[in-house]
Amino acid sequence: MLHEYRLKKPIHAEQFDGSKEMLDKYPISMGADGFGTWYNILTVEGLHSLYEGDWIVSDNGDYLVIEESLFRRTYERCD
């Protein structure tokens, strides 16, 4: 039978903007190639591509990346 579910607890999240402050705050690596600048972040799922506008979700020192459109559909601000 199909049921509806809600996330059980609030999360801490910050929208990635490519700033030096965020590069220093999170385990993010940055590089450049012929196509532009790229970012990777070490998450609980391993190394993950990160784009400006993505959301970094933190939980007890572990990180997840959620794409902007999915984040907006899934979460609402509660503070």
N, C-alpha and C. Protein backbone atom coordinates (compact mmCIF):
# COMPACT_ATOMS: atom_id res chain seq x y z
N MET A 1 0.84 -1.17 0.00
CA MET A 1 0.00 0.00 0.00
C MET A 1 0.89 1.25 0.00
N LEU A 2 0.53 2.24 -0.76
CA LEU A 2 1.27 3.50 -0.88
C LEU A 2 0.95 4.42 0.28
N HIS A 3 1.99 5.00 0.89
CA HIS A 3 1.83 5.92 2.01
C HIS A 3 2.61 7.20 1.76
N GLU A 4 2.26 8.27 2.48
CA GLU A 4 3.01 9.52 2.42
C GLU A 4 3.97 9.58 3.59
N TYR A 5 5.16 10.17 3.36
CA TYR A 5 6.16 10.31 4.41
C TYR A 5 6.71 11.72 4.42
N ARG A 6 7.12 12.19 5.59
CA ARG A 6 7.78 13.47 5.77
C ARG A 6 9.16 13.23 6.34
N LEU A 7 10.06 14.14 6.10
CA LEU A 7 11.35 14.08 6.76
C LEU A 7 11.11 14.31 8.24
N LYS A 8 11.78 13.54 9.08
CA LYS A 8 11.49 13.56 10.50
C LYS A 8 12.19 14.66 11.28
N LYS A 9 13.28 15.17 10.79
CA LYS A 9 14.00 16.16 11.57
C LYS A 9 14.48 17.29 10.68
N PRO A 10 14.66 18.46 11.27
CA PRO A 10 15.22 19.57 10.50
C PRO A 10 16.65 19.26 10.08
N ILE A 11 17.07 19.85 9.01
CA ILE A 11 18.44 19.67 8.53
C ILE A 11 19.16 21.01 8.54
N HIS A 12 20.47 20.97 8.48
CA HIS A 12 21.27 22.18 8.30
C HIS A 12 21.78 22.15 6.87
N ALA A 13 21.55 23.23 6.15
CA ALA A 13 21.94 23.29 4.75
C ALA A 13 22.40 24.69 4.39
N GLU A 14 23.31 24.75 3.43
CA GLU A 14 23.84 26.03 2.96
C GLU A 14 23.98 25.94 1.45
N GLN A 15 23.52 26.97 0.75
CA GLN A 15 23.61 26.97 -0.70
C GLN A 15 25.02 27.34 -1.13
N PHE A 16 25.62 26.49 -1.97
CA PHE A 16 26.99 26.69 -2.42
C PHE A 16 27.07 27.86 -3.39
N ASP A 17 28.03 28.79 -3.11
CA ASP A 17 28.19 29.97 -3.96
C ASP A 17 29.58 30.10 -4.57
N GLY A 18 30.44 29.12 -4.32
CA GLY A 18 31.78 29.16 -4.90
C GLY A 18 32.75 30.08 -4.17
N SER A 19 32.34 30.63 -3.04
CA SER A 19 33.20 31.59 -2.33
C SER A 19 34.36 30.89 -1.62
N LYS A 20 35.41 31.64 -1.35
CA LYS A 20 36.56 31.12 -0.63
C LYS A 20 36.16 30.64 0.75
N GLU A 21 35.23 31.35 1.39
CA GLU A 21 34.77 30.95 2.72
C GLU A 21 34.18 29.54 2.71
N MET A 22 33.40 29.23 1.69
CA MET A 22 32.80 27.90 1.61
C MET A 22 33.84 26.85 1.25
N LEU A 23 34.80 27.23 0.41
CA LEU A 23 35.87 26.29 0.05
C LEU A 23 36.70 25.93 1.28
N ASP A 24 36.86 26.89 2.19
CA ASP A 24 37.61 26.64 3.43
C ASP A 24 36.78 25.88 4.46
N LYS A 25 35.48 26.07 4.45
CA LYS A 25 34.59 25.50 5.46
C LYS A 25 34.31 24.01 5.24
N TYR A 26 34.23 23.58 3.99
CA TYR A 26 33.84 22.21 3.64
C TYR A 26 34.99 21.50 2.93
N PRO A 27 34.95 20.15 2.88
CA PRO A 27 36.00 19.40 2.18
C PRO A 27 35.80 19.46 0.66
N ILE A 28 36.02 20.65 0.10
CA ILE A 28 35.79 20.90 -1.33
C ILE A 28 37.12 21.06 -2.04
N SER A 29 37.25 20.40 -3.18
CA SER A 29 38.40 20.62 -4.04
C SER A 29 37.91 21.37 -5.28
N MET A 30 38.82 22.17 -5.84
CA MET A 30 38.47 23.01 -6.98
C MET A 30 39.54 22.87 -8.03
N GLY A 31 39.16 22.97 -9.27
CA GLY A 31 40.12 22.93 -10.35
C GLY A 31 39.56 23.64 -11.56
N ALA A 32 40.35 23.72 -12.59
CA ALA A 32 39.92 24.37 -13.82
C ALA A 32 40.44 23.57 -15.00
N ASP A 33 39.67 23.57 -16.07
CA ASP A 33 40.09 22.93 -17.30
C ASP A 33 39.62 23.80 -18.47
N GLY A 34 39.63 23.28 -19.64
CA GLY A 34 39.22 24.04 -20.81
C GLY A 34 37.75 24.42 -20.82
N PHE A 35 36.96 23.82 -19.94
CA PHE A 35 35.52 24.10 -19.89
C PHE A 35 35.15 25.04 -18.76
N GLY A 36 36.07 25.33 -17.86
CA GLY A 36 35.78 26.23 -16.75
C GLY A 36 36.21 25.66 -15.42
N THR A 37 35.69 26.22 -14.37
CA THR A 37 36.02 25.81 -13.01
C THR A 37 35.10 24.67 -12.58
N TRP A 38 35.67 23.70 -11.87
CA TRP A 38 34.87 22.59 -11.33
C TRP A 38 35.13 22.46 -9.84
N TYR A 39 34.16 21.87 -9.15
CA TYR A 39 34.24 21.65 -7.72
C TYR A 39 33.83 20.21 -7.41
N ASN A 40 34.49 19.61 -6.43
CA ASN A 40 34.11 18.31 -5.88
C ASN A 40 34.06 18.44 -4.37
N ILE A 41 33.18 17.68 -3.75
CA ILE A 41 33.09 17.65 -2.29
C ILE A 41 33.07 16.20 -1.84
N LEU A 42 33.74 15.94 -0.73
CA LEU A 42 33.76 14.60 -0.16
C LEU A 42 32.50 14.43 0.69
N THR A 43 31.63 13.51 0.29
CA THR A 43 30.37 13.26 0.98
C THR A 43 30.35 11.86 1.56
N VAL A 44 29.27 11.53 2.25
CA VAL A 44 29.12 10.17 2.77
C VAL A 44 29.02 9.14 1.64
N GLU A 45 28.71 9.59 0.45
CA GLU A 45 28.60 8.71 -0.71
C GLU A 45 29.89 8.68 -1.53
N GLY A 46 30.93 9.38 -1.08
CA GLY A 46 32.18 9.47 -1.82
C GLY A 46 32.33 10.84 -2.44
N LEU A 47 33.24 10.98 -3.39
CA LEU A 47 33.48 12.26 -4.05
C LEU A 47 32.30 12.60 -4.95
N HIS A 48 31.79 13.81 -4.83
CA HIS A 48 30.58 14.23 -5.54
C HIS A 48 30.83 15.56 -6.23
N SER A 49 30.39 15.69 -7.48
CA SER A 49 30.46 16.98 -8.17
C SER A 49 29.57 17.98 -7.48
N LEU A 50 30.01 19.23 -7.47
CA LEU A 50 29.28 20.30 -6.80
C LEU A 50 29.21 21.49 -7.74
N TYR A 51 28.03 22.07 -7.87
CA TYR A 51 27.83 23.21 -8.76
C TYR A 51 27.29 24.38 -7.95
N GLU A 52 27.62 25.59 -8.37
CA GLU A 52 27.07 26.76 -7.70
C GLU A 52 25.56 26.67 -7.76
N GLY A 53 24.91 26.91 -6.62
CA GLY A 53 23.46 26.79 -6.51
C GLY A 53 23.02 25.49 -5.85
N ASP A 54 23.89 24.47 -5.85
CA ASP A 54 23.58 23.23 -5.12
C ASP A 54 23.55 23.51 -3.63
N TRP A 55 22.91 22.63 -2.88
CA TRP A 55 22.83 22.76 -1.44
C TRP A 55 23.72 21.72 -0.78
N ILE A 56 24.49 22.15 0.21
CA ILE A 56 25.31 21.25 1.01
C ILE A 56 24.55 21.02 2.30
N VAL A 57 24.16 19.77 2.54
CA VAL A 57 23.45 19.39 3.75
C VAL A 57 24.45 18.76 4.69
N SER A 58 24.50 19.25 5.92
CA SER A 58 25.45 18.71 6.89
C SER A 58 24.71 18.05 8.04
N ASP A 59 25.25 16.90 8.44
CA ASP A 59 24.67 16.13 9.54
C ASP A 59 25.80 15.47 10.31
N ASN A 60 26.14 16.02 11.46
CA ASN A 60 27.20 15.47 12.32
C ASN A 60 28.53 15.28 11.58
N GLY A 61 28.90 16.26 10.78
CA GLY A 61 30.18 16.20 10.07
C GLY A 61 30.14 15.44 8.76
N ASP A 62 29.00 14.85 8.41
CA ASP A 62 28.83 14.20 7.11
C ASP A 62 28.09 15.16 6.19
N TYR A 63 28.39 15.08 4.90
CA TYR A 63 27.79 16.01 3.95
C TYR A 63 27.09 15.26 2.83
N LEU A 64 26.02 15.86 2.33
CA LEU A 64 25.32 15.41 1.14
C LEU A 64 25.14 16.62 0.24
N VAL A 65 25.02 16.39 -1.06
CA VAL A 65 24.76 17.47 -2.01
C VAL A 65 23.38 17.24 -2.61
N ILE A 66 22.57 18.28 -2.59
CA ILE A 66 21.23 18.20 -3.18
C ILE A 66 21.10 19.31 -4.22
N GLU A 67 20.71 18.93 -5.41
CA GLU A 67 20.51 19.88 -6.50
C GLU A 67 19.41 20.88 -6.13
N GLU A 68 19.58 22.11 -6.56
CA GLU A 68 18.68 23.23 -6.21
C GLU A 68 17.20 22.88 -6.42
N SER A 69 16.82 22.38 -7.57
CA SER A 69 15.39 22.13 -7.83
C SER A 69 14.82 21.06 -6.90
N LEU A 70 15.57 20.01 -6.64
CA LEU A 70 15.12 18.96 -5.72
C LEU A 70 15.04 19.50 -4.30
N PHE A 71 16.02 20.29 -3.89
CA PHE A 71 16.01 20.87 -2.55
C PHE A 71 14.76 21.72 -2.34
N ARG A 72 14.45 22.57 -3.29
CA ARG A 72 13.29 23.48 -3.17
C ARG A 72 11.97 22.70 -3.13
N ARG A 73 11.90 21.58 -3.85
CA ARG A 73 10.68 20.77 -3.84
C ARG A 73 10.53 19.96 -2.55
N THR A 74 11.65 19.66 -1.90
CA THR A 74 11.66 18.73 -0.78
C THR A 74 11.64 19.41 0.58
N TYR A 75 12.30 20.56 0.72
CA TYR A 75 12.48 21.20 2.01
C TYR A 75 11.85 22.58 2.04
N GLU A 76 11.42 22.98 3.22
CA GLU A 76 11.00 24.36 3.42
C GLU A 76 11.73 24.90 4.63
N ARG A 77 12.06 26.16 4.57
CA ARG A 77 12.82 26.79 5.65
C ARG A 77 11.97 26.85 6.92
N CYS A 78 12.59 26.56 8.07
CA CYS A 78 11.81 26.52 9.31
C CYS A 78 12.42 27.35 10.43
N ASP A 79 13.37 28.25 10.12
CA ASP A 79 13.91 29.10 11.19
C ASP A 79 13.54 30.55 10.99
